[in-house]
Amino acid sequence: MIKINVRIDEALHARLQRRAHDADLTLSAFLRRVLQQGADPANGYVFSSQDEILATCIQILSIVATGIGQQSPKALQQGMADARAILTERGLLGRENAR
């Protein structure tokens, strides 16, 4: 097996550690899987392979949010705050966007 050394900043390291922990993997095992996925030509381009699913989810959630906002703006506001907190906690939303 070949060993690769890569330098990353502390914030990226923390996010990767969190994702590995959430997947119940060591950081090395998690990164090996990420690299395998990125190198697999059958998976398509690693940064866009889930774009269609993501776009559909965003459309559905937008429709739901619009309906909830029309019925109860306060419930929509609370739901958005809860979602931001969860996304931030999981490292999926930058701290600057968590407001």
PDB file of N, CA and C in Angstrom:
ATOM      1  N   MET A   1       0.850  -1.172   0.000  1.00  0.00           N
ATOM      2  CA  MET A   1       0.000   0.000   0.000  1.00  0.00           C
ATOM      3  C   MET A   1       0.897   1.236   0.000  1.00  0.00           C
ATOM      4  N   ILE A   2       0.515   2.227  -0.787  1.00  0.00           N
ATOM      5  CA  ILE A   2       1.266   3.472  -0.887  1.00  0.00           C
ATOM      6  C   ILE A   2       0.761   4.444   0.166  1.00  0.00           C
ATOM      7  N   LYS A   3       1.672   5.191   0.757  1.00  0.00           N
ATOM      8  CA  LYS A   3       1.333   6.188   1.767  1.00  0.00           C
ATOM      9  C   LYS A   3       1.399   7.572   1.128  1.00  0.00           C
ATOM     10  N   ILE A   4       0.378   8.399   1.393  1.00  0.00           N
ATOM     11  CA  ILE A   4       0.309   9.753   0.856  1.00  0.00           C
ATOM     12  C   ILE A   4       0.252  10.727   2.034  1.00  0.00           C
ATOM     13  N   ASN A   5       1.053  11.763   1.982  1.00  0.00           N
ATOM     14  CA  ASN A   5       1.007  12.833   2.981  1.00  0.00           C
ATOM     15  C   ASN A   5       0.397  14.066   2.340  1.00  0.00           C
ATOM     16  N   VAL A   6      -0.603  14.639   2.996  1.00  0.00           N
ATOM     17  CA  VAL A   6      -1.286  15.811   2.471  1.00  0.00           C
ATOM     18  C   VAL A   6      -1.413  16.834   3.592  1.00  0.00           C
ATOM     19  N   ARG A   7      -1.149  18.084   3.293  1.00  0.00           N
ATOM     20  CA  ARG A   7      -1.331  19.147   4.283  1.00  0.00           C
ATOM     21  C   ARG A   7      -2.688  19.808   4.059  1.00  0.00           C
ATOM     22  N   ILE A   8      -3.457  19.944   5.141  1.00  0.00           N
ATOM     23  CA  ILE A   8      -4.759  20.616   5.088  1.00  0.00           C
ATOM     24  C   ILE A   8      -4.856  21.561   6.271  1.00  0.00           C
ATOM     25  N   ASP A   9      -5.739  22.546   6.167  1.00  0.00           N
ATOM     26  CA  ASP A   9      -5.875  23.471   7.288  1.00  0.00           C
ATOM     27  C   ASP A   9      -6.687  22.827   8.417  1.00  0.00           C
ATOM     28  N   GLU A  10      -6.620  23.433   9.584  1.00  0.00           N
ATOM     29  CA  GLU A  10      -7.245  22.856  10.779  1.00  0.00           C
ATOM     30  C   GLU A  10      -8.760  22.746  10.658  1.00  0.00           C
ATOM     31  N   ALA A  11      -9.387  23.733  10.027  1.00  0.00           N
ATOM     32  CA  ALA A  11     -10.846  23.704   9.894  1.00  0.00           C
ATOM     33  C   ALA A  11     -11.292  22.528   9.028  1.00  0.00           C
ATOM     34  N   LEU A  12     -10.599  22.293   7.924  1.00  0.00           N
ATOM     35  CA  LEU A  12     -10.934  21.155   7.063  1.00  0.00           C
ATOM     36  C   LEU A  12     -10.693  19.851   7.815  1.00  0.00           C
ATOM     37  N   HIS A  13      -9.602  19.761   8.538  1.00  0.00           N
ATOM     38  CA  HIS A  13      -9.301  18.556   9.318  1.00  0.00           C
ATOM     39  C   HIS A  13     -10.424  18.277  10.319  1.00  0.00           C
ATOM     40  N   ALA A  14     -10.892  19.313  10.991  1.00  0.00           N
ATOM     41  CA  ALA A  14     -11.971  19.138  11.973  1.00  0.00           C
ATOM     42  C   ALA A  14     -13.248  18.641  11.300  1.00  0.00           C
ATOM     43  N   ARG A  15     -13.573  19.191  10.137  1.00  0.00           N
ATOM     44  CA  ARG A  15     -14.781  18.753   9.420  1.00  0.00           C
ATOM     45  C   ARG A  15     -14.645  17.303   8.971  1.00  0.00           C
ATOM     46  N   LEU A  16     -13.467  16.935   8.459  1.00  0.00           N
ATOM     47  CA  LEU A  16     -13.251  15.552   8.024  1.00  0.00           C
ATOM     48  C   LEU A  16     -13.308  14.592   9.213  1.00  0.00           C
ATOM     49  N   GLN A  17     -12.727  14.988  10.329  1.00  0.00           N
ATOM     50  CA  GLN A  17     -12.778  14.155  11.531  1.00  0.00           C
ATOM     51  C   GLN A  17     -14.223  13.931  11.946  1.00  0.00           C
ATOM     52  N   ARG A  18     -15.024  15.007  11.927  1.00  0.00           N
ATOM     53  CA  ARG A  18     -16.437  14.919  12.319  1.00  0.00           C
ATOM     54  C   ARG A  18     -17.203  13.982  11.380  1.00  0.00           C
ATOM     55  N   ARG A  19     -16.959  14.123  10.065  1.00  0.00           N
ATOM     56  CA  ARG A  19     -17.652  13.260   9.100  1.00  0.00           C
ATOM     57  C   ARG A  19     -17.244  11.808   9.283  1.00  0.00           C
ATOM     58  N   ALA A  20     -15.952  11.558   9.524  1.00  0.00           N
ATOM     59  CA  ALA A  20     -15.465  10.196   9.753  1.00  0.00           C
ATOM     60  C   ALA A  20     -16.101   9.621  11.011  1.00  0.00           C
ATOM     61  N   HIS A  21     -16.146  10.420  12.064  1.00  0.00           N
ATOM     62  CA  HIS A  21     -16.753   9.958  13.324  1.00  0.00           C
ATOM     63  C   HIS A  21     -18.222   9.617  13.120  1.00  0.00           C
ATOM     64  N   ASP A  22     -18.948  10.489  12.413  1.00  0.00           N
ATOM     65  CA  ASP A  22     -20.373  10.253  12.152  1.00  0.00           C
ATOM     66  C   ASP A  22     -20.601   8.983  11.335  1.00  0.00           C
ATOM     67  N   ALA A  23     -19.610   8.616  10.508  1.00  0.00           N
ATOM     68  CA  ALA A  23     -19.710   7.392   9.700  1.00  0.00           C
ATOM     69  C   ALA A  23     -19.135   6.181  10.440  1.00  0.00           C
ATOM     70  N   ASP A  24     -18.706   6.396  11.681  1.00  0.00           N
ATOM     71  CA  ASP A  24     -18.114   5.340  12.507  1.00  0.00           C
ATOM     72  C   ASP A  24     -16.888   4.731  11.832  1.00  0.00           C
ATOM     73  N   LEU A  25     -16.039   5.624  11.279  1.00  0.00           N
ATOM     74  CA  LEU A  25     -14.813   5.209  10.603  1.00  0.00           C
ATOM     75  C   LEU A  25     -13.635   5.989  11.168  1.00  0.00           C
ATOM     76  N   THR A  26     -12.451   5.414  11.058  1.00  0.00           N
ATOM     77  CA  THR A  26     -11.260   6.200  11.350  1.00  0.00           C
ATOM     78  C   THR A  26     -11.118   7.230  10.239  1.00  0.00           C
ATOM     79  N   LEU A  27     -10.334   8.270  10.512  1.00  0.00           N
ATOM     80  CA  LEU A  27     -10.127   9.285   9.482  1.00  0.00           C
ATOM     81  C   LEU A  27      -9.482   8.670   8.242  1.00  0.00           C
ATOM     82  N   SER A  28      -8.514   7.777   8.438  1.00  0.00           N
ATOM     83  CA  SER A  28      -7.853   7.138   7.290  1.00  0.00           C
ATOM     84  C   SER A  28      -8.831   6.306   6.468  1.00  0.00           C
ATOM     85  N   ALA A  29      -9.678   5.531   7.127  1.00  0.00           N
ATOM     86  CA  ALA A  29     -10.657   4.709   6.407  1.00  0.00           C
ATOM     87  C   ALA A  29     -11.648   5.590   5.653  1.00  0.00           C
ATOM     88  N   PHE A  30     -12.091   6.673   6.291  1.00  0.00           N
ATOM     89  CA  PHE A  30     -13.026   7.591   5.654  1.00  0.00           C
ATOM     90  C   PHE A  30     -12.399   8.216   4.405  1.00  0.00           C
ATOM     91  N   LEU A  31     -11.144   8.693   4.537  1.00  0.00           N
ATOM     92  CA  LEU A  31     -10.480   9.330   3.410  1.00  0.00           C
ATOM     93  C   LEU A  31     -10.197   8.348   2.279  1.00  0.00           C
ATOM     94  N   ARG A  32      -9.877   7.091   2.615  1.00  0.00           N
ATOM     95  CA  ARG A  32      -9.692   6.083   1.553  1.00  0.00           C
ATOM     96  C   ARG A  32     -10.974   5.920   0.757  1.00  0.00           C
ATOM     97  N   ARG A  33     -12.116   5.889   1.443  1.00  0.00           N
ATOM     98  CA  ARG A  33     -13.401   5.750   0.722  1.00  0.00           C
ATOM     99  C   ARG A  33     -13.696   6.973  -0.134  1.00  0.00           C
ATOM    100  N   VAL A  34     -13.407   8.158   0.393  1.00  0.00           N
ATOM    101  CA  VAL A  34     -13.616   9.385  -0.375  1.00  0.00           C
ATOM    102  C   VAL A  34     -12.752   9.365  -1.639  1.00  0.00           C
ATOM    103  N   LEU A  35     -11.493   8.972  -1.494  1.00  0.00           N
ATOM    104  CA  LEU A  35     -10.598   8.911  -2.651  1.00  0.00           C
ATOM    105  C   LEU A  35     -11.035   7.837  -3.644  1.00  0.00           C
ATOM    106  N   GLN A  36     -11.496   6.693  -3.145  1.00  0.00           N
ATOM    107  CA  GLN A  36     -11.987   5.642  -4.041  1.00  0.00           C
ATOM    108  C   GLN A  36     -13.180   6.143  -4.841  1.00  0.00           C
ATOM    109  N   GLN A  37     -14.091   6.843  -4.180  1.00  0.00           N
ATOM    110  CA  GLN A  37     -15.263   7.367  -4.872  1.00  0.00           C
ATOM    111  C   GLN A  37     -14.842   8.391  -5.928  1.00  0.00           C
ATOM    112  N   GLY A  38     -13.906   9.249  -5.582  1.00  0.00           N
ATOM    113  CA  GLY A  38     -13.450  10.269  -6.518  1.00  0.00           C
ATOM    114  C   GLY A  38     -12.723   9.701  -7.722  1.00  0.00           C
ATOM    115  N   ALA A  39     -12.086   8.538  -7.552  1.00  0.00           N
ATOM    116  CA  ALA A  39     -11.305   7.942  -8.636  1.00  0.00           C
ATOM    117  C   ALA A  39     -12.094   6.938  -9.468  1.00  0.00           C
ATOM    118  N   ASP A  40     -13.325   6.629  -9.071  1.00  0.00           N
ATOM    119  CA  ASP A  40     -14.125   5.626  -9.774  1.00  0.00           C
ATOM    120  C   ASP A  40     -14.844   6.274 -10.957  1.00  0.00           C
ATOM    121  N   PRO A  41     -14.470   5.935 -12.188  1.00  0.00           N
ATOM    122  CA  PRO A  41     -15.102   6.560 -13.354  1.00  0.00           C
ATOM    123  C   PRO A  41     -16.596   6.234 -13.471  1.00  0.00           C
ATOM    124  N   ALA A  42     -17.042   5.168 -12.852  1.00  0.00           N
ATOM    125  CA  ALA A  42     -18.467   4.808 -12.917  1.00  0.00           C
ATOM    126  C   ALA A  42     -19.318   5.739 -12.063  1.00  0.00           C
ATOM    127  N   ASN A  43     -18.704   6.411 -11.091  1.00  0.00           N
ATOM    128  CA  ASN A  43     -19.454   7.317 -10.214  1.00  0.00           C
ATOM    129  C   ASN A  43     -19.664   8.689 -10.827  1.00  0.00           C
ATOM    130  N   GLY A  44     -19.067   8.959 -11.960  1.00  0.00           N
ATOM    131  CA  GLY A  44     -19.179  10.284 -12.543  1.00  0.00           C
ATOM    132  C   GLY A  44     -18.278  11.258 -11.820  1.00  0.00           C
ATOM    133  N   TYR A  45     -18.444  12.502 -12.110  1.00  0.00           N
ATOM    134  CA  TYR A  45     -17.627  13.541 -11.497  1.00  0.00           C
ATOM    135  C   TYR A  45     -18.013  13.669 -10.034  1.00  0.00           C
ATOM    136  N   VAL A  46     -17.046  13.520  -9.136  1.00  0.00           N
ATOM    137  CA  VAL A  46     -17.308  13.419  -7.704  1.00  0.00           C
ATOM    138  C   VAL A  46     -18.068  14.615  -7.148  1.00  0.00           C
ATOM    139  N   PHE A  47     -17.889  15.794  -7.697  1.00  0.00           N
ATOM    140  CA  PHE A  47     -18.538  16.971  -7.141  1.00  0.00           C
ATOM    141  C   PHE A  47     -19.949  17.202  -7.666  1.00  0.00           C
ATOM    142  N   SER A  48     -20.379  16.444  -8.664  1.00  0.00           N
ATOM    143  CA  SER A  48     -21.712  16.682  -9.204  1.00  0.00           C
ATOM    144  C   SER A  48     -22.553  15.420  -9.323  1.00  0.00           C
ATOM    145  N   SER A  49     -22.078  14.298  -8.806  1.00  0.00           N
ATOM    146  CA  SER A  49     -22.808  13.049  -9.010  1.00  0.00           C
ATOM    147  C   SER A  49     -24.172  13.040  -8.335  1.00  0.00           C
ATOM    148  N   GLN A  50     -24.382  13.895  -7.353  1.00  0.00           N
ATOM    149  CA  GLN A  50     -25.660  13.932  -6.648  1.00  0.00           C
ATOM    150  C   GLN A  50     -26.462  15.197  -6.951  1.00  0.00           C
ATOM    151  N   ASP A  51     -26.058  15.943  -7.966  1.00  0.00           N
ATOM    152  CA  ASP A  51     -26.705  17.217  -8.257  1.00  0.00           C
ATOM    153  C   ASP A  51     -28.192  17.092  -8.570  1.00  0.00           C
ATOM    154  N   GLU A  52     -28.600  16.078  -9.327  1.00  0.00           N
ATOM    155  CA  GLU A  52     -30.003  15.936  -9.680  1.00  0.00           C
ATOM    156  C   GLU A  52     -30.856  15.643  -8.447  1.00  0.00           C
ATOM    157  N   ILE A  53     -30.357  14.776  -7.578  1.00  0.00           N
ATOM    158  CA  ILE A  53     -31.084  14.468  -6.342  1.00  0.00           C
ATOM    159  C   ILE A  53     -31.160  15.706  -5.468  1.00  0.00           C
ATOM    160  N   LEU A  54     -30.048  16.417  -5.344  1.00  0.00           N
ATOM    161  CA  LEU A  54     -30.019  17.639  -4.544  1.00  0.00           C
ATOM    162  C   LEU A  54     -30.989  18.674  -5.102  1.00  0.00           C
ATOM    163  N   ALA A  55     -31.012  18.853  -6.399  1.00  0.00           N
ATOM    164  CA  ALA A  55     -31.916  19.826  -7.018  1.00  0.00           C
ATOM    165  C   ALA A  55     -33.376  19.471  -6.738  1.00  0.00           C
ATOM    166  N   THR A  56     -33.714  18.196  -6.826  1.00  0.00           N
ATOM    167  CA  THR A  56     -35.081  17.761  -6.552  1.00  0.00           C
ATOM    168  C   THR A  56     -35.439  18.015  -5.091  1.00  0.00           C
ATOM    169  N   CYS A  57     -34.516  17.697  -4.182  1.00  0.00           N
ATOM    170  CA  CYS A  57     -34.758  17.934  -2.751  1.00  0.00           C
ATOM    171  C   CYS A  57     -34.967  19.419  -2.471  1.00  0.00           C
ATOM    172  N   ILE A  58     -34.154  20.253  -3.081  1.00  0.00           N
ATOM    173  CA  ILE A  58     -34.288  21.695  -2.874  1.00  0.00           C
ATOM    174  C   ILE A  58     -35.640  22.180  -3.377  1.00  0.00           C
ATOM    175  N   GLN A  59     -36.084  21.688  -4.535  1.00  0.00           N
ATOM    176  CA  GLN A  59     -37.383  22.088  -5.068  1.00  0.00           C
ATOM    177  C   GLN A  59     -38.513  21.662  -4.134  1.00  0.00           C
ATOM    178  N   ILE A  60     -38.457  20.431  -3.653  1.00  0.00           N
ATOM    179  CA  ILE A  60     -39.497  19.926  -2.753  1.00  0.00           C
ATOM    180  C   ILE A  60     -39.520  20.739  -1.459  1.00  0.00           C
ATOM    181  N   LEU A  61     -38.341  20.955  -0.883  1.00  0.00           N
ATOM    182  CA  LEU A  61     -38.278  21.702   0.370  1.00  0.00           C
ATOM    183  C   LEU A  61     -38.724  23.150   0.188  1.00  0.00           C
ATOM    184  N   SER A  62     -38.456  23.723  -0.966  1.00  0.00           N
ATOM    185  CA  SER A  62     -38.907  25.085  -1.245  1.00  0.00           C
ATOM    186  C   SER A  62     -40.428  25.154  -1.284  1.00  0.00           C
ATOM    187  N   ILE A  63     -41.054  24.170  -1.915  1.00  0.00           N
ATOM    188  CA  ILE A  63     -42.516  24.117  -1.977  1.00  0.00           C
ATOM    189  C   ILE A  63     -43.104  23.951  -0.582  1.00  0.00           C
ATOM    190  N   VAL A  64     -42.521  23.034   0.206  1.00  0.00           N
ATOM    191  CA  VAL A  64     -42.999  22.809   1.578  1.00  0.00           C
ATOM    192  C   VAL A  64     -42.830  24.073   2.421  1.00  0.00           C
ATOM    193  N   ALA A  65     -41.657  24.706   2.318  1.00  0.00           N
ATOM    194  CA  ALA A  65     -41.403  25.921   3.101  1.00  0.00           C
ATOM    195  C   ALA A  65     -42.373  27.040   2.726  1.00  0.00           C
ATOM    196  N   THR A  66     -42.671  27.171   1.439  1.00  0.00           N
ATOM    197  CA  THR A  66     -43.622  28.188   1.003  1.00  0.00           C
ATOM    198  C   THR A  66     -44.994  27.933   1.613  1.00  0.00           C
ATOM    199  N   GLY A  67     -45.441  26.681   1.580  1.00  0.00           N
ATOM    200  CA  GLY A  67     -46.741  26.328   2.173  1.00  0.00           C
ATOM    201  C   GLY A  67     -46.774  26.595   3.667  1.00  0.00           C
ATOM    202  N   ILE A  68     -45.731  26.207   4.362  1.00  0.00           N
ATOM    203  CA  ILE A  68     -45.675  26.434   5.810  1.00  0.00           C
ATOM    204  C   ILE A  68     -45.610  27.923   6.103  1.00  0.00           C
ATOM    205  N   GLY A  69     -44.819  28.646   5.321  1.00  0.00           N
ATOM    206  CA  GLY A  69     -44.704  30.090   5.523  1.00  0.00           C
ATOM    207  C   GLY A  69     -46.019  30.814   5.350  1.00  0.00           C
ATOM    208  N   GLN A  70     -46.846  30.344   4.422  1.00  0.00           N
ATOM    209  CA  GLN A  70     -48.156  30.958   4.221  1.00  0.00           C
ATOM    210  C   GLN A  70     -49.101  30.646   5.374  1.00  0.00           C
ATOM    211  N   GLN A  71     -48.982  29.446   5.933  1.00  0.00           N
ATOM    212  CA  GLN A  71     -49.853  29.044   7.042  1.00  0.00           C
ATOM    213  C   GLN A  71     -49.382  29.603   8.381  1.00  0.00           C
ATOM    214  N   SER A  72     -48.067  29.568   8.609  1.00  0.00           N
ATOM    215  CA  SER A  72     -47.517  29.983   9.900  1.00  0.00           C
ATOM    216  C   SER A  72     -46.084  30.494   9.730  1.00  0.00           C
ATOM    217  N   PRO A  73     -45.934  31.790   9.504  1.00  0.00           N
ATOM    218  CA  PRO A  73     -44.589  32.347   9.351  1.00  0.00           C
ATOM    219  C   PRO A  73     -43.690  32.059  10.556  1.00  0.00           C
ATOM    220  N   LYS A  74     -44.280  32.023  11.755  1.00  0.00           N
ATOM    221  CA  LYS A  74     -43.493  31.748  12.960  1.00  0.00           C
ATOM    222  C   LYS A  74     -42.948  30.317  12.943  1.00  0.00           C
ATOM    223  N   ALA A  75     -43.748  29.350  12.494  1.00  0.00           N
ATOM    224  CA  ALA A  75     -43.292  27.957  12.404  1.00  0.00           C
ATOM    225  C   ALA A  75     -42.176  27.835  11.371  1.00  0.00           C
ATOM    226  N   LEU A  76     -42.298  28.541  10.262  1.00  0.00           N
ATOM    227  CA  LEU A  76     -41.246  28.523   9.234  1.00  0.00           C
ATOM    228  C   LEU A  76     -39.951  29.096   9.794  1.00  0.00           C
ATOM    229  N   GLN A  77     -40.047  30.211  10.499  1.00  0.00           N
ATOM    230  CA  GLN A  77     -38.863  30.838  11.084  1.00  0.00           C
ATOM    231  C   GLN A  77     -38.176  29.893  12.070  1.00  0.00           C
ATOM    232  N   GLN A  78     -38.943  29.211  12.918  1.00  0.00           N
ATOM    233  CA  GLN A  78     -38.366  28.279  13.886  1.00  0.00           C
ATOM    234  C   GLN A  78     -37.743  27.073  13.172  1.00  0.00           C
ATOM    235  N   GLY A  79     -38.416  26.565  12.162  1.00  0.00           N
ATOM    236  CA  GLY A  79     -37.881  25.437  11.398  1.00  0.00           C
ATOM    237  C   GLY A  79     -36.574  25.777  10.705  1.00  0.00           C
ATOM    238  N   MET A  80     -36.495  26.967  10.145  1.00  0.00           N
ATOM    239  CA  MET A  80     -35.261  27.397   9.486  1.00  0.00           C
ATOM    240  C   MET A  80     -34.126  27.543  10.500  1.00  0.00           C
ATOM    241  N   ALA A  81     -34.419  28.076  11.673  1.00  0.00           N
ATOM    242  CA  ALA A  81     -33.394  28.216  12.713  1.00  0.00           C
ATOM    243  C   ALA A  81     -32.906  26.842  13.161  1.00  0.00           C
ATOM    244  N   ASP A  82     -33.830  25.907  13.345  1.00  0.00           N
ATOM    245  CA  ASP A  82     -33.459  24.545  13.739  1.00  0.00           C
ATOM    246  C   ASP A  82     -32.602  23.878  12.660  1.00  0.00           C
ATOM    247  N   ALA A  83     -32.987  24.056  11.405  1.00  0.00           N
ATOM    248  CA  ALA A  83     -32.228  23.459  10.297  1.00  0.00           C
ATOM    249  C   ALA A  83     -30.818  24.034  10.236  1.00  0.00           C
ATOM    250  N   ARG A  84     -30.682  25.351  10.384  1.00  0.00           N
ATOM    251  CA  ARG A  84     -29.348  25.969  10.381  1.00  0.00           C
ATOM    252  C   ARG A  84     -28.490  25.417  11.509  1.00  0.00           C
ATOM    253  N   ALA A  85     -29.080  25.240  12.690  1.00  0.00           N
ATOM    254  CA  ALA A  85     -28.315  24.714  13.829  1.00  0.00           C
ATOM    255  C   ALA A  85     -27.827  23.293  13.555  1.00  0.00           C
ATOM    256  N   ILE A  86     -28.688  22.456  12.999  1.00  0.00           N
ATOM    257  CA  ILE A  86     -28.313  21.066  12.697  1.00  0.00           C
ATOM    258  C   ILE A  86     -27.233  21.020  11.619  1.00  0.00           C
ATOM    259  N   LEU A  87     -27.412  21.803  10.554  1.00  0.00           N
ATOM    260  CA  LEU A  87     -26.424  21.828   9.475  1.00  0.00           C
ATOM    261  C   LEU A  87     -25.078  22.341   9.967  1.00  0.00           C
ATOM    262  N   THR A  88     -25.088  23.348  10.814  1.00  0.00           N
ATOM    263  CA  THR A  88     -23.843  23.881  11.367  1.00  0.00           C
ATOM    264  C   THR A  88     -23.168  22.845  12.257  1.00  0.00           C
ATOM    265  N   GLU A  89     -23.938  22.188  13.098  1.00  0.00           N
ATOM    266  CA  GLU A  89     -23.407  21.165  14.002  1.00  0.00           C
ATOM    267  C   GLU A  89     -22.721  20.043  13.237  1.00  0.00           C
ATOM    268  N   ARG A  90     -23.262  19.693  12.088  1.00  0.00           N
ATOM    269  CA  ARG A  90     -22.695  18.609  11.285  1.00  0.00           C
ATOM    270  C   ARG A  90     -21.621  19.077  10.311  1.00  0.00           C
ATOM    271  N   GLY A  91     -21.305  20.355  10.347  1.00  0.00           N
ATOM    272  CA  GLY A  91     -20.265  20.873   9.471  1.00  0.00           C
ATOM    273  C   GLY A  91     -20.713  21.062   8.041  1.00  0.00           C
ATOM    274  N   LEU A  92     -22.015  21.101   7.809  1.00  0.00           N
ATOM    275  CA  LEU A  92     -22.539  21.237   6.452  1.00  0.00           C
ATOM    276  C   LEU A  92     -22.890  22.670   6.098  1.00  0.00           C
ATOM    277  N   LEU A  93     -22.771  23.553   7.072  1.00  0.00           N
ATOM    278  CA  LEU A  93     -23.045  24.972   6.847  1.00  0.00           C
ATOM    279  C   LEU A  93     -21.961  25.754   7.552  1.00  0.00           C
ATOM    280  N   GLY A  94     -21.285  26.606   6.827  1.00  0.00           N
ATOM    281  CA  GLY A  94     -20.215  27.388   7.443  1.00  0.00           C
ATOM    282  C   GLY A  94     -20.750  28.245   8.579  1.00  0.00           C
ATOM    283  N   ARG A  95     -19.932  28.441   9.569  1.00  0.00           N
ATOM    284  CA  ARG A  95     -20.340  29.231  10.744  1.00  0.00           C
ATOM    285  C   ARG A  95     -20.828  30.622  10.338  1.00  0.00           C
ATOM    286  N   GLU A  96     -20.230  31.201   9.284  1.00  0.00           N
ATOM    287  CA  GLU A  96     -20.638  32.535   8.847  1.00  0.00           C
ATOM    288  C   GLU A  96     -22.052  32.542   8.263  1.00  0.00           C
ATOM    289  N   ASN A  97     -22.557  31.375   7.808  1.00  0.00           N
ATOM    290  CA  ASN A  97     -23.900  31.275   7.240  1.00  0.00           C
ATOM    291  C   ASN A  97     -24.928  30.796   8.258  1.00  0.00           C
ATOM    292  N   ALA A  98     -24.514  30.560   9.489  1.00  0.00           N
ATOM    293  CA  ALA A  98     -25.394  29.962  10.493  1.00  0.00           C
ATOM    294  C   ALA A  98     -26.345  30.961  11.123  1.00  0.00           C
ATOM    295  N   ARG A  99     -26.198  32.229  10.821  1.00  0.00           N
ATOM    296  CA  ARG A  99     -27.034  33.253  11.449  1.00  0.00           C
ATOM    297  C   ARG A  99     -28.436  33.176  11.021  1.00  0.00           C
TER     298      ARG A  99
END
